[in-house]
Amino acid sequence: YRKHYPEADWLVVERDSEDIGRLYIERWPSQHRIIDIAFLPHHRRKGYGTALLCDLIDEAWLAGKSASI
């Protein structure tokens, strides 16, 4: 991923100070590209991904951009 998205943010998703997943995102002039989003198995199907994606879409919208995967 780093080769194709050199300006991306490589983030660890935390909940209650525990690492529960990852998010790779690059913010381009025209859009926010979600490169990868993943959660550890015991943190899946709890709505964390949905909440994170909604926040990312809202962030892009407020910046006048689209969000894509």
Foldseek 3Di string as FASTA:
>chain_A
DCVVQVQWDWAFDDDPNHGFWIWIWDQDPAEIETPDTDGDPVPPPPCPVVVVVVVRQVVQVVVVHGYYD
